């Protein structure tokens, strides 16, 4: 985890997710777009290492591994609004959290028409209004979340913008029970996340979508 985080910290150039968010991000593997095939680009060795670990562990299929990675940087107080990754990708996502814990919510939009929306990859404003929280996960530092099926295709997910998290909130699923057990709150620090997905429409080939089991 530390080695991957050091490599992420050496990214030479970052994009910005918008003035409202302030988050920095970078895309590897190509630039996905809904209307045209992605021109594939080689993943850096340190991201390839993560992909190989996912394949070797049986978490993602060897014949349909991730071919794209979105790296997001979250400073304390930053988050990302509820969104779906959409049909450009195989119906799974693997999120590796480095540097800090984070709370991730799965939510249902109060407007059914919002369920099918597709946001540009990584470009969202931070707005937590108008969603019904279905479940909240406290992801530990160096933790991996893989979600698929209904969690990917039906529901939205978000990271609330906070300086600290209340680990006693009702219904919070703690993947590491020791986080915040003494104080009930835990401050956030700088977090870098790797979101690994498989783009389906790639120049020269149409990638196969493959079912993946939900792993927490």
N, C-alpha and C. Protein backbone atom coordinates (compact mmCIF):
# COMPACT_ATOMS: atom_id res chain seq x y z
N UNK A 1 0.80 -1.20 0.00
CA UNK A 1 0.00 0.00 0.00
C UNK A 1 0.85 1.26 0.00
N UNK A 2 1.90 1.28 0.84
CA UNK A 2 2.76 2.47 0.91
C UNK A 2 3.49 2.71 -0.41
N UNK A 3 3.91 1.62 -1.07
CA UNK A 3 4.62 1.76 -2.34
C UNK A 3 3.70 2.35 -3.40
N UNK A 4 2.47 1.87 -3.46
CA UNK A 4 1.51 2.41 -4.43
C UNK A 4 1.21 3.86 -4.12
N UNK A 5 1.06 4.21 -2.84
CA UNK A 5 0.79 5.60 -2.47
C UNK A 5 1.95 6.50 -2.85
N UNK A 6 3.17 6.03 -2.67
CA UNK A 6 4.34 6.85 -3.07
C UNK A 6 4.34 7.08 -4.58
N UNK A 7 3.98 6.05 -5.34
CA UNK A 7 3.92 6.23 -6.80
C UNK A 7 2.83 7.22 -7.18
N UNK A 8 1.68 7.15 -6.50
CA UNK A 8 0.60 8.09 -6.80
C UNK A 8 1.00 9.52 -6.46
N UNK A 9 1.80 9.68 -5.42
CA UNK A 9 2.24 11.02 -5.03
C UNK A 9 3.21 11.62 -6.05
N UNK A 10 3.78 10.76 -6.90
CA UNK A 10 4.74 11.23 -7.90
C UNK A 10 4.09 11.48 -9.25
N UNK A 11 2.75 11.43 -9.31
CA UNK A 11 2.08 11.75 -10.57
C UNK A 11 2.48 13.15 -11.00
N UNK A 12 3.02 13.32 -12.21
CA UNK A 12 3.58 14.62 -12.59
C UNK A 12 2.54 15.71 -12.83
N UNK A 13 1.36 15.34 -13.26
CA UNK A 13 0.35 16.36 -13.55
C UNK A 13 -1.02 15.83 -13.14
N UNK A 14 -1.80 16.71 -12.54
CA UNK A 14 -3.14 16.36 -12.09
C UNK A 14 -4.16 17.22 -12.84
N UNK A 15 -5.36 16.67 -13.00
CA UNK A 15 -6.50 17.45 -13.45
C UNK A 15 -7.30 17.87 -12.21
N UNK A 16 -8.20 18.82 -12.40
CA UNK A 16 -9.04 19.27 -11.29
C UNK A 16 -10.49 18.92 -11.59
N UNK A 17 -11.19 18.48 -10.55
CA UNK A 17 -12.56 18.02 -10.71
C UNK A 17 -13.57 19.15 -10.74
N UNK A 18 -13.10 20.39 -10.73
CA UNK A 18 -14.00 21.54 -10.77
C UNK A 18 -13.81 22.41 -9.55
N UNK A 19 -14.16 23.69 -9.68
CA UNK A 19 -13.93 24.65 -8.60
C UNK A 19 -14.72 24.29 -7.36
N UNK A 20 -15.95 23.78 -7.53
CA UNK A 20 -16.77 23.47 -6.37
C UNK A 20 -16.19 22.33 -5.55
N UNK A 21 -15.54 21.41 -6.20
CA UNK A 21 -14.99 20.24 -5.52
C UNK A 21 -13.59 20.50 -4.98
N UNK A 22 -12.71 20.98 -5.84
CA UNK A 22 -11.32 21.18 -5.44
C UNK A 22 -10.49 19.92 -5.49
N UNK A 23 -11.12 18.77 -5.74
CA UNK A 23 -10.35 17.53 -5.81
C UNK A 23 -9.43 17.52 -7.02
N UNK A 24 -8.33 16.78 -6.88
CA UNK A 24 -7.45 16.53 -8.02
C UNK A 24 -7.61 15.08 -8.44
N UNK A 25 -7.42 14.82 -9.73
CA UNK A 25 -7.57 13.47 -10.25
C UNK A 25 -6.68 13.28 -11.46
N UNK A 26 -6.48 12.02 -11.81
CA UNK A 26 -5.74 11.67 -13.02
C UNK A 26 -6.28 10.36 -13.55
N UNK A 27 -6.32 10.25 -14.87
CA UNK A 27 -6.87 9.07 -15.54
C UNK A 27 -5.74 8.32 -16.23
N UNK A 28 -5.75 6.98 -16.09
CA UNK A 28 -4.75 6.12 -16.71
C UNK A 28 -5.44 5.01 -17.50
N UNK A 29 -4.87 4.68 -18.64
CA UNK A 29 -5.41 3.62 -19.49
C UNK A 29 -6.10 4.13 -20.72
N UNK A 30 -6.37 5.43 -20.76
CA UNK A 30 -7.07 6.03 -21.88
C UNK A 30 -8.12 7.01 -21.37
N UNK A 31 -8.86 7.59 -22.28
CA UNK A 31 -9.90 8.57 -21.94
C UNK A 31 -11.25 8.02 -22.39
N UNK A 32 -12.01 7.41 -21.46
CA UNK A 32 -13.32 6.86 -21.84
C UNK A 32 -14.29 7.96 -22.24
N UNK A 33 -15.14 7.65 -23.21
CA UNK A 33 -16.17 8.57 -23.66
C UNK A 33 -17.39 7.76 -24.08
N UNK A 34 -18.60 8.25 -23.78
CA UNK A 34 -19.79 7.46 -24.12
C UNK A 34 -19.98 7.25 -25.61
N UNK A 35 -19.51 8.17 -26.44
CA UNK A 35 -19.87 8.15 -27.85
C UNK A 35 -18.82 7.56 -28.79
N UNK A 36 -17.65 7.22 -28.25
CA UNK A 36 -16.60 6.72 -29.15
C UNK A 36 -15.68 5.77 -28.39
N UNK A 37 -15.01 4.87 -29.11
CA UNK A 37 -14.13 3.91 -28.44
C UNK A 37 -12.97 4.61 -27.75
N UNK A 38 -12.54 4.02 -26.64
CA UNK A 38 -11.37 4.54 -25.93
C UNK A 38 -10.11 4.09 -26.64
N UNK A 39 -9.21 5.01 -26.87
CA UNK A 39 -7.89 4.65 -27.40
C UNK A 39 -7.06 4.15 -26.22
N UNK A 40 -6.71 2.87 -26.20
CA UNK A 40 -6.04 2.31 -25.02
C UNK A 40 -4.63 2.83 -24.86
N UNK A 41 -4.26 3.05 -23.61
CA UNK A 41 -2.90 3.44 -23.25
C UNK A 41 -2.40 2.49 -22.17
N UNK A 42 -1.11 2.16 -22.16
CA UNK A 42 -0.59 1.24 -21.15
C UNK A 42 -0.77 1.80 -19.74
N UNK A 43 -1.17 0.95 -18.82
CA UNK A 43 -1.23 1.36 -17.42
C UNK A 43 0.19 1.41 -16.86
N UNK A 44 0.48 2.37 -15.98
CA UNK A 44 1.81 2.41 -15.35
C UNK A 44 2.08 1.12 -14.58
N UNK A 45 3.34 0.74 -14.42
CA UNK A 45 3.68 -0.52 -13.74
C UNK A 45 3.06 -0.64 -12.35
N UNK A 46 3.00 0.46 -11.59
CA UNK A 46 2.48 0.36 -10.24
C UNK A 46 0.97 0.10 -10.22
N UNK A 47 0.25 0.55 -11.25
CA UNK A 47 -1.17 0.22 -11.36
C UNK A 47 -1.33 -1.20 -11.90
N UNK A 48 -0.47 -1.60 -12.84
CA UNK A 48 -0.49 -2.97 -13.33
C UNK A 48 -0.27 -3.95 -12.18
N UNK A 49 0.58 -3.58 -11.24
CA UNK A 49 0.84 -4.46 -10.07
C UNK A 49 -0.45 -4.67 -9.29
N UNK A 50 -1.24 -3.61 -9.09
CA UNK A 50 -2.51 -3.73 -8.38
C UNK A 50 -3.46 -4.63 -9.16
N UNK A 51 -3.53 -4.42 -10.50
CA UNK A 51 -4.40 -5.25 -11.33
C UNK A 51 -4.02 -6.72 -11.22
N UNK A 52 -2.71 -7.01 -11.26
CA UNK A 52 -2.26 -8.40 -11.15
C UNK A 52 -2.65 -8.99 -9.81
N UNK A 53 -2.57 -8.21 -8.75
CA UNK A 53 -2.96 -8.72 -7.43
C UNK A 53 -4.46 -9.03 -7.39
N UNK A 54 -5.27 -8.20 -8.02
CA UNK A 54 -6.71 -8.46 -8.08
C UNK A 54 -7.00 -9.74 -8.85
N UNK A 55 -6.29 -9.92 -9.96
CA UNK A 55 -6.50 -11.13 -10.77
C UNK A 55 -6.00 -12.36 -10.02
N UNK A 56 -4.80 -12.28 -9.46
CA UNK A 56 -4.22 -13.43 -8.76
C UNK A 56 -5.06 -13.85 -7.56
N UNK A 57 -5.76 -12.88 -6.95
CA UNK A 57 -6.60 -13.17 -5.79
C UNK A 57 -7.98 -13.68 -6.19
N UNK A 58 -8.28 -13.68 -7.47
CA UNK A 58 -9.57 -14.13 -7.94
C UNK A 58 -10.69 -13.12 -7.76
N UNK A 59 -10.32 -11.88 -7.46
CA UNK A 59 -11.33 -10.84 -7.23
C UNK A 59 -11.93 -10.36 -8.55
N UNK A 60 -11.10 -10.26 -9.58
CA UNK A 60 -11.60 -9.91 -10.91
C UNK A 60 -11.18 -11.01 -11.87
N UNK A 61 -11.92 -11.21 -12.96
CA UNK A 61 -11.62 -12.31 -13.88
C UNK A 61 -10.35 -12.06 -14.68
N UNK A 62 -9.58 -13.11 -14.87
CA UNK A 62 -8.33 -12.99 -15.61
C UNK A 62 -8.57 -12.64 -17.07
N UNK A 63 -9.74 -13.03 -17.62
CA UNK A 63 -10.02 -12.74 -19.03
C UNK A 63 -10.71 -11.40 -19.23
N UNK A 64 -10.98 -10.68 -18.14
CA UNK A 64 -11.59 -9.35 -18.27
C UNK A 64 -11.13 -8.45 -17.12
N UNK A 65 -9.81 -8.24 -17.01
CA UNK A 65 -9.29 -7.43 -15.89
C UNK A 65 -9.53 -5.94 -16.13
N UNK A 66 -9.38 -5.12 -15.12
CA UNK A 66 -9.49 -3.67 -15.34
C UNK A 66 -8.48 -3.19 -16.37
N UNK A 67 -8.92 -2.27 -17.22
CA UNK A 67 -8.02 -1.66 -18.20
C UNK A 67 -7.98 -0.14 -18.06
N UNK A 68 -8.59 0.36 -16.98
CA UNK A 68 -8.61 1.80 -16.75
C UNK A 68 -8.54 2.06 -15.25
N UNK A 69 -7.87 3.13 -14.88
CA UNK A 69 -7.75 3.51 -13.46
C UNK A 69 -7.93 5.02 -13.33
N UNK A 70 -8.83 5.41 -12.43
CA UNK A 70 -9.01 6.82 -12.09
C UNK A 70 -8.45 7.03 -10.69
N UNK A 71 -7.46 7.89 -10.58
CA UNK A 71 -6.84 8.22 -9.29
C UNK A 71 -7.44 9.53 -8.80
N UNK A 72 -8.05 9.52 -7.62
CA UNK A 72 -8.63 10.70 -7.01
C UNK A 72 -7.87 11.05 -5.74
N UNK A 73 -7.63 12.33 -5.54
CA UNK A 73 -7.03 12.81 -4.29
C UNK A 73 -8.09 13.58 -3.50
N UNK A 74 -8.28 13.18 -2.25
CA UNK A 74 -9.23 13.84 -1.37
C UNK A 74 -8.49 14.46 -0.19
N UNK A 75 -8.56 15.77 -0.06
CA UNK A 75 -8.08 16.43 1.13
C UNK A 75 -9.20 16.42 2.17
N UNK A 76 -8.88 16.56 3.48
CA UNK A 76 -9.94 16.62 4.48
C UNK A 76 -10.99 17.67 4.11
N UNK A 77 -12.26 17.30 4.23
CA UNK A 77 -13.33 18.20 3.88
C UNK A 77 -13.83 18.06 2.45
N UNK A 78 -13.14 17.26 1.64
CA UNK A 78 -13.56 17.06 0.25
C UNK A 78 -14.30 15.73 0.11
N UNK A 79 -15.18 15.67 -0.87
CA UNK A 79 -15.93 14.45 -1.15
C UNK A 79 -16.30 14.38 -2.61
N UNK A 80 -17.26 13.54 -2.92
CA UNK A 80 -17.73 13.41 -4.29
C UNK A 80 -19.23 13.11 -4.23
N UNK A 81 -20.00 13.75 -5.11
CA UNK A 81 -21.45 13.61 -5.06
C UNK A 81 -21.88 12.22 -5.50
N UNK A 82 -23.12 11.89 -5.20
CA UNK A 82 -23.68 10.59 -5.59
C UNK A 82 -23.71 10.45 -7.10
N UNK A 83 -23.23 9.31 -7.59
CA UNK A 83 -23.15 9.10 -9.03
C UNK A 83 -23.10 7.60 -9.32
N UNK A 84 -23.34 7.27 -10.56
CA UNK A 84 -23.12 5.93 -11.09
C UNK A 84 -21.98 5.97 -12.09
N UNK A 85 -21.23 4.87 -12.16
CA UNK A 85 -20.14 4.82 -13.13
C UNK A 85 -20.65 4.59 -14.54
N UNK A 86 -21.76 3.88 -14.67
CA UNK A 86 -22.45 3.81 -15.95
C UNK A 86 -22.05 2.67 -16.86
N UNK A 87 -22.72 2.56 -18.02
CA UNK A 87 -22.57 1.41 -18.91
C UNK A 87 -21.33 1.44 -19.79
N UNK A 88 -20.49 2.47 -19.68
CA UNK A 88 -19.23 2.43 -20.44
C UNK A 88 -18.31 1.33 -19.92
N UNK A 89 -18.57 0.88 -18.69
CA UNK A 89 -17.68 -0.06 -18.03
C UNK A 89 -18.39 -1.40 -17.81
N UNK A 90 -17.60 -2.46 -17.66
CA UNK A 90 -18.14 -3.72 -17.16
C UNK A 90 -18.75 -3.44 -15.78
N UNK A 91 -19.81 -4.17 -15.40
CA UNK A 91 -20.56 -3.81 -14.19
C UNK A 91 -19.87 -4.18 -12.88
N UNK A 92 -18.69 -3.64 -12.69
CA UNK A 92 -18.01 -3.76 -11.40
C UNK A 92 -17.02 -2.62 -11.26
N UNK A 93 -16.67 -2.32 -10.03
CA UNK A 93 -15.63 -1.32 -9.74
C UNK A 93 -14.85 -1.79 -8.52
N UNK A 94 -13.55 -1.59 -8.57
CA UNK A 94 -12.66 -1.91 -7.44
C UNK A 94 -12.03 -0.60 -6.97
N UNK A 95 -12.22 -0.26 -5.70
CA UNK A 95 -11.72 1.00 -5.16
C UNK A 95 -10.73 0.69 -4.04
N UNK A 96 -9.49 1.13 -4.23
CA UNK A 96 -8.44 0.96 -3.24
C UNK A 96 -8.22 2.30 -2.56
N UNK A 97 -8.37 2.32 -1.22
CA UNK A 97 -8.21 3.56 -0.45
C UNK A 97 -6.84 3.58 0.20
N UNK A 98 -6.12 4.68 0.01
CA UNK A 98 -4.77 4.82 0.54
C UNK A 98 -4.65 6.13 1.30
N UNK A 99 -3.92 6.12 2.41
CA UNK A 99 -3.60 7.34 3.13
C UNK A 99 -4.56 7.70 4.23
N UNK A 100 -5.84 7.35 4.11
CA UNK A 100 -6.83 7.71 5.11
C UNK A 100 -8.04 6.80 4.98
N UNK A 101 -8.78 6.68 6.07
CA UNK A 101 -10.09 6.03 6.02
C UNK A 101 -11.04 6.94 5.24
N UNK A 102 -12.22 6.43 4.93
CA UNK A 102 -13.27 7.25 4.32
C UNK A 102 -14.61 6.57 4.55
N UNK A 103 -15.67 7.36 4.60
CA UNK A 103 -17.02 6.81 4.61
C UNK A 103 -17.59 6.91 3.19
N UNK A 104 -18.08 5.80 2.68
CA UNK A 104 -18.71 5.75 1.36
C UNK A 104 -20.16 5.31 1.56
N UNK A 105 -21.08 6.09 0.99
CA UNK A 105 -22.51 5.78 1.06
C UNK A 105 -22.99 5.18 -0.25
N UNK A 106 -23.86 4.17 -0.15
CA UNK A 106 -24.66 3.75 -1.29
C UNK A 106 -26.04 4.38 -1.11
N UNK A 107 -26.52 5.04 -2.15
CA UNK A 107 -27.76 5.81 -2.02
C UNK A 107 -28.68 5.53 -3.21
N UNK A 108 -29.97 5.81 -2.99
CA UNK A 108 -30.96 5.78 -4.05
C UNK A 108 -31.44 7.20 -4.26
N UNK A 109 -31.49 7.63 -5.48
CA UNK A 109 -31.98 8.96 -5.79
C UNK A 109 -33.47 9.04 -5.56
N UNK A 110 -33.95 10.17 -5.06
CA UNK A 110 -35.38 10.34 -4.86
C UNK A 110 -36.09 10.53 -6.19
N UNK A 111 -35.35 10.85 -7.23
CA UNK A 111 -35.92 11.02 -8.57
C UNK A 111 -35.52 9.80 -9.40
N UNK A 112 -36.47 8.90 -9.74
CA UNK A 112 -36.10 7.68 -10.48
C UNK A 112 -35.36 7.96 -11.78
N UNK A 113 -35.61 9.10 -12.40
CA UNK A 113 -34.93 9.40 -13.67
C UNK A 113 -33.45 9.60 -13.48
N UNK A 114 -33.02 9.89 -12.24
CA UNK A 114 -31.61 10.11 -11.98
C UNK A 114 -30.82 8.81 -11.96
N UNK A 115 -31.49 7.68 -11.80
CA UNK A 115 -30.77 6.42 -11.64
C UNK A 115 -29.98 6.04 -12.87
N UNK A 116 -30.39 6.48 -14.02
CA UNK A 116 -29.70 6.09 -15.24
C UNK A 116 -28.68 7.09 -15.71
N UNK A 117 -28.42 8.14 -14.93
CA UNK A 117 -27.52 9.17 -15.43
C UNK A 117 -26.09 8.68 -15.46
N UNK A 118 -25.30 9.28 -16.32
CA UNK A 118 -23.87 8.95 -16.41
C UNK A 118 -23.10 10.24 -16.31
N UNK A 119 -22.32 10.37 -15.24
CA UNK A 119 -21.48 11.55 -15.07
C UNK A 119 -20.16 11.35 -15.80
N UNK A 120 -19.53 12.41 -16.31
CA UNK A 120 -18.18 12.27 -16.84
C UNK A 120 -17.27 11.68 -15.79
N UNK A 121 -16.37 10.78 -16.13
CA UNK A 121 -15.56 10.08 -15.15
C UNK A 121 -14.82 11.04 -14.23
N UNK A 122 -15.17 10.99 -12.94
CA UNK A 122 -14.46 11.76 -11.94
C UNK A 122 -14.82 13.22 -11.87
N UNK A 123 -15.71 13.72 -12.76
CA UNK A 123 -16.01 15.14 -12.77
C UNK A 123 -17.41 15.34 -12.21
N UNK A 124 -17.50 15.58 -10.92
CA UNK A 124 -18.79 15.81 -10.28
C UNK A 124 -18.64 16.92 -9.26
N UNK A 125 -19.76 17.59 -8.95
CA UNK A 125 -19.78 18.54 -7.86
C UNK A 125 -20.15 17.80 -6.59
N UNK A 126 -19.76 18.36 -5.45
CA UNK A 126 -20.03 17.73 -4.17
C UNK A 126 -21.36 18.23 -3.62
N UNK A 127 -22.41 17.42 -3.76
CA UNK A 127 -23.74 17.80 -3.32
C UNK A 127 -24.42 16.56 -2.78
N UNK A 128 -24.68 16.54 -1.47
CA UNK A 128 -25.23 15.35 -0.84
C UNK A 128 -26.75 15.42 -0.67
N UNK A 129 -27.43 16.41 -1.31
CA UNK A 129 -28.86 16.57 -1.15
C UNK A 129 -29.62 15.58 -2.03
N UNK A 130 -30.87 15.32 -1.66
CA UNK A 130 -31.84 14.62 -2.51
C UNK A 130 -31.49 13.16 -2.74
N UNK A 131 -30.79 12.52 -1.80
CA UNK A 131 -30.55 11.09 -1.91
C UNK A 131 -30.94 10.39 -0.61
N UNK A 132 -31.41 9.16 -0.75
CA UNK A 132 -31.74 8.32 0.39
C UNK A 132 -30.57 7.36 0.63
N UNK A 133 -29.96 7.44 1.80
CA UNK A 133 -28.82 6.58 2.12
C UNK A 133 -29.32 5.16 2.41
N UNK A 134 -28.81 4.20 1.67
CA UNK A 134 -29.18 2.80 1.86
C UNK A 134 -28.25 2.12 2.85
N UNK A 135 -26.96 2.38 2.72
CA UNK A 135 -25.98 1.85 3.65
C UNK A 135 -24.72 2.70 3.58
N UNK A 136 -23.98 2.75 4.68
CA UNK A 136 -22.73 3.50 4.75
C UNK A 136 -21.62 2.55 5.17
N UNK A 137 -20.49 2.64 4.48
CA UNK A 137 -19.33 1.80 4.77
C UNK A 137 -18.18 2.66 5.25
N UNK A 138 -17.53 2.26 6.33
CA UNK A 138 -16.31 2.92 6.77
C UNK A 138 -15.14 2.13 6.20
N UNK A 139 -14.54 2.67 5.13
CA UNK A 139 -13.45 1.97 4.45
C UNK A 139 -12.14 2.30 5.14
N UNK A 140 -11.37 1.32 5.55
CA UNK A 140 -10.10 1.59 6.23
C UNK A 140 -9.00 2.00 5.26
N UNK A 141 -7.99 2.61 5.80
CA UNK A 141 -6.78 2.90 5.02
C UNK A 141 -6.19 1.59 4.51
N UNK A 142 -5.83 1.58 3.24
CA UNK A 142 -5.33 0.39 2.54
C UNK A 142 -6.43 -0.66 2.37
N UNK A 143 -7.70 -0.24 2.45
CA UNK A 143 -8.81 -1.15 2.25
C UNK A 143 -9.25 -1.19 0.80
N UNK A 144 -9.81 -2.33 0.41
CA UNK A 144 -10.28 -2.53 -0.95
C UNK A 144 -11.78 -2.81 -0.93
N UNK A 145 -12.53 -2.07 -1.72
CA UNK A 145 -13.96 -2.32 -1.89
C UNK A 145 -14.21 -2.67 -3.35
N UNK A 146 -14.87 -3.80 -3.58
CA UNK A 146 -15.28 -4.18 -4.93
C UNK A 146 -16.79 -4.36 -4.91
N UNK A 147 -17.50 -3.65 -5.79
CA UNK A 147 -18.94 -3.81 -5.84
C UNK A 147 -19.37 -4.05 -7.28
N UNK A 148 -20.48 -4.78 -7.41
CA UNK A 148 -20.93 -5.23 -8.73
C UNK A 148 -22.43 -5.44 -8.69
N UNK A 149 -22.98 -5.90 -9.81
CA UNK A 149 -24.38 -6.26 -9.87
C UNK A 149 -25.29 -5.09 -9.52
N UNK A 150 -26.27 -5.32 -8.64
CA UNK A 150 -27.24 -4.30 -8.29
C UNK A 150 -26.58 -3.08 -7.66
N UNK A 151 -25.55 -3.31 -6.84
CA UNK A 151 -24.86 -2.19 -6.21
C UNK A 151 -24.23 -1.27 -7.25
N UNK A 152 -23.81 -1.84 -8.36
CA UNK A 152 -23.20 -1.05 -9.44
C UNK A 152 -24.26 -0.46 -10.36
N UNK A 153 -25.21 -1.28 -10.77
CA UNK A 153 -26.13 -0.90 -11.86
C UNK A 153 -27.36 -0.14 -11.39
N UNK A 154 -27.78 -0.34 -10.14
CA UNK A 154 -29.04 0.27 -9.69
C UNK A 154 -28.81 1.48 -8.79
N UNK A 155 -27.82 1.39 -7.90
CA UNK A 155 -27.66 2.42 -6.88
C UNK A 155 -26.51 3.37 -7.21
N UNK A 156 -26.51 4.51 -6.54
CA UNK A 156 -25.45 5.49 -6.66
C UNK A 156 -24.54 5.36 -5.45
N UNK A 157 -23.33 5.90 -5.57
CA UNK A 157 -22.43 5.93 -4.42
C UNK A 157 -21.80 7.31 -4.32
N UNK A 158 -21.40 7.66 -3.11
CA UNK A 158 -20.85 8.99 -2.86
C UNK A 158 -19.91 8.95 -1.67
N UNK A 159 -19.07 9.97 -1.57
CA UNK A 159 -18.23 10.21 -0.39
C UNK A 159 -18.65 11.56 0.18
N UNK A 160 -19.31 11.60 1.33
CA UNK A 160 -19.71 12.88 1.91
C UNK A 160 -18.49 13.76 2.22
N UNK A 161 -18.64 15.05 1.98
CA UNK A 161 -17.55 16.00 2.23
C UNK A 161 -17.54 16.37 3.71
N UNK A 162 -16.55 15.85 4.44
CA UNK A 162 -16.45 16.08 5.88
C UNK A 162 -15.00 16.22 6.29
N UNK A 163 -14.78 16.86 7.43
CA UNK A 163 -13.45 16.92 8.03
C UNK A 163 -13.18 15.70 8.91
N UNK A 164 -14.25 15.13 9.46
CA UNK A 164 -14.12 13.95 10.31
C UNK A 164 -15.38 13.11 10.17
N UNK A 165 -15.30 11.85 10.60
CA UNK A 165 -16.43 10.94 10.49
C UNK A 165 -16.85 10.44 11.86
N UNK A 166 -18.15 10.33 12.06
CA UNK A 166 -18.74 9.81 13.29
C UNK A 166 -18.86 8.30 13.15
N UNK A 167 -18.04 7.58 13.89
CA UNK A 167 -18.03 6.12 13.77
C UNK A 167 -19.14 5.46 14.57
N UNK A 168 -19.96 6.27 15.26
CA UNK A 168 -21.09 5.72 16.02
C UNK A 168 -22.41 5.91 15.29
N UNK A 169 -22.39 6.45 14.06
CA UNK A 169 -23.65 6.70 13.37
C UNK A 169 -24.40 5.40 13.14
N UNK A 170 -25.71 5.42 13.32
CA UNK A 170 -26.49 4.19 13.17
C UNK A 170 -26.33 3.57 11.79
N UNK A 171 -26.17 2.25 11.77
CA UNK A 171 -26.11 1.53 10.51
C UNK A 171 -24.78 1.55 9.80
N UNK A 172 -23.77 2.23 10.38
CA UNK A 172 -22.46 2.29 9.73
C UNK A 172 -21.80 0.93 9.77
N UNK A 173 -21.41 0.44 8.60
CA UNK A 173 -20.72 -0.84 8.50
C UNK A 173 -19.22 -0.57 8.54
N UNK A 174 -18.57 -1.00 9.62
CA UNK A 174 -17.15 -0.74 9.81
C UNK A 174 -16.36 -1.96 9.35
N UNK A 175 -15.57 -1.78 8.30
CA UNK A 175 -14.75 -2.88 7.80
C UNK A 175 -13.52 -3.09 8.66
N UNK A 176 -13.22 -2.13 9.54
CA UNK A 176 -12.18 -2.27 10.57
C UNK A 176 -12.78 -1.73 11.86
N UNK A 177 -13.14 -2.63 12.78
CA UNK A 177 -13.86 -2.23 13.99
C UNK A 177 -13.04 -1.35 14.92
N UNK A 178 -11.72 -1.31 14.73
CA UNK A 178 -10.87 -0.54 15.64
C UNK A 178 -10.88 0.95 15.33
N UNK A 179 -11.35 1.35 14.15
CA UNK A 179 -11.32 2.75 13.77
C UNK A 179 -12.31 3.54 14.62
N UNK A 180 -11.81 4.51 15.36
CA UNK A 180 -12.66 5.40 16.14
C UNK A 180 -13.28 4.78 17.37
N UNK A 181 -12.80 3.60 17.81
CA UNK A 181 -13.45 2.92 18.92
C UNK A 181 -13.27 3.65 20.25
N UNK A 182 -12.23 4.48 20.38
CA UNK A 182 -12.00 5.18 21.64
C UNK A 182 -12.74 6.51 21.71
N UNK A 183 -12.75 7.27 20.61
CA UNK A 183 -13.31 8.62 20.63
C UNK A 183 -14.68 8.72 19.97
N UNK A 184 -15.03 7.77 19.10
CA UNK A 184 -16.29 7.84 18.38
C UNK A 184 -16.24 8.69 17.13
N UNK A 185 -15.19 9.47 16.97
CA UNK A 185 -14.97 10.24 15.76
C UNK A 185 -13.54 10.03 15.30
N UNK A 186 -13.31 10.18 14.03
CA UNK A 186 -11.96 10.02 13.50
C UNK A 186 -11.75 11.08 12.42
N UNK A 187 -10.71 11.91 12.57
CA UNK A 187 -10.47 12.94 11.56
C UNK A 187 -9.92 12.34 10.27
N UNK A 188 -10.27 12.95 9.17
CA UNK A 188 -9.75 12.52 7.88
C UNK A 188 -8.40 13.17 7.63
N UNK A 189 -7.57 12.47 6.88
CA UNK A 189 -6.33 13.03 6.36
C UNK A 189 -6.35 12.89 4.84
N UNK A 190 -5.26 13.25 4.20
CA UNK A 190 -5.22 13.16 2.74
C UNK A 190 -5.42 11.71 2.30
N UNK A 191 -6.34 11.52 1.39
CA UNK A 191 -6.65 10.18 0.87
C UNK A 191 -6.45 10.16 -0.63
N UNK A 192 -5.84 9.09 -1.11
CA UNK A 192 -5.72 8.84 -2.55
C UNK A 192 -6.45 7.53 -2.84
N UNK A 193 -7.37 7.57 -3.77
CA UNK A 193 -8.11 6.36 -4.13
C UNK A 193 -7.82 5.97 -5.57
N UNK A 194 -7.74 4.67 -5.79
CA UNK A 194 -7.61 4.12 -7.13
C UNK A 194 -8.91 3.41 -7.46
N UNK A 195 -9.62 3.89 -8.49
CA UNK A 195 -10.83 3.23 -8.95
C UNK A 195 -10.51 2.51 -10.24
N UNK A 196 -10.56 1.18 -10.18
CA UNK A 196 -10.18 0.34 -11.31
C UNK A 196 -11.43 -0.25 -11.94
N UNK A 197 -11.56 -0.05 -13.26
CA UNK A 197 -12.73 -0.52 -13.99
C UNK A 197 -12.30 -1.05 -15.35
N UNK A 198 -13.23 -1.70 -16.03
CA UNK A 198 -12.95 -2.22 -17.36
C UNK A 198 -13.82 -1.50 -18.38
N UNK A 199 -13.19 -0.69 -19.20
CA UNK A 199 -13.89 -0.01 -20.28
C UNK A 199 -14.27 -1.04 -21.35
N UNK A 200 -15.53 -1.01 -21.78
CA UNK A 200 -16.01 -2.03 -22.72
C UNK A 200 -15.71 -1.69 -24.17
N UNK A 201 -15.87 -0.44 -24.54
CA UNK A 201 -15.69 -0.04 -25.93
C UNK A 201 -14.29 0.54 -26.10
N UNK A 202 -13.38 -0.32 -26.54
CA UNK A 202 -11.98 0.05 -26.71
C UNK A 202 -11.64 -0.03 -28.20
N UNK A 203 -10.89 0.92 -28.68
CA UNK A 203 -10.54 0.96 -30.10
C UNK A 203 -9.92 -0.37 -30.53
N UNK A 204 -10.47 -0.94 -31.58
CA UNK A 204 -9.95 -2.20 -32.10
C UNK A 204 -10.64 -3.42 -31.57
N UNK A 205 -11.43 -3.27 -30.50
CA UNK A 205 -12.11 -4.43 -29.94
C UNK A 205 -13.24 -3.95 -29.06
N UNK A 206 -14.26 -4.79 -28.88
CA UNK A 206 -15.34 -4.52 -27.94
C UNK A 206 -15.17 -5.49 -26.79
N UNK A 207 -14.80 -4.97 -25.63
CA UNK A 207 -14.48 -5.81 -24.49
C UNK A 207 -15.73 -6.53 -23.99
N UNK A 208 -15.54 -7.73 -23.50
CA UNK A 208 -16.66 -8.50 -22.97
C UNK A 208 -16.98 -8.06 -21.55
N UNK A 209 -18.26 -7.90 -21.26
CA UNK A 209 -18.69 -7.63 -19.89
C UNK A 209 -18.76 -8.97 -19.15
N UNK A 210 -18.24 -9.02 -17.94
CA UNK A 210 -18.16 -10.24 -17.17
C UNK A 210 -18.73 -10.02 -15.79
N UNK A 211 -19.55 -10.96 -15.30
CA UNK A 211 -20.09 -10.85 -13.96
C UNK A 211 -18.99 -10.99 -12.93
N UNK A 212 -19.08 -10.21 -11.87
CA UNK A 212 -18.10 -10.24 -10.79
C UNK A 212 -18.85 -10.29 -9.47
N UNK A 213 -18.39 -11.12 -8.56
CA UNK A 213 -19.02 -11.25 -7.26
C UNK A 213 -18.67 -10.06 -6.37
N UNK A 214 -19.64 -9.58 -5.59
CA UNK A 214 -19.42 -8.47 -4.66
C UNK A 214 -18.44 -8.91 -3.57
N UNK A 215 -17.43 -8.13 -3.34
CA UNK A 215 -16.44 -8.42 -2.31
C UNK A 215 -16.34 -7.21 -1.40
N UNK A 216 -16.43 -7.42 -0.10
CA UNK A 216 -16.24 -6.34 0.88
C UNK A 216 -15.04 -6.66 1.75
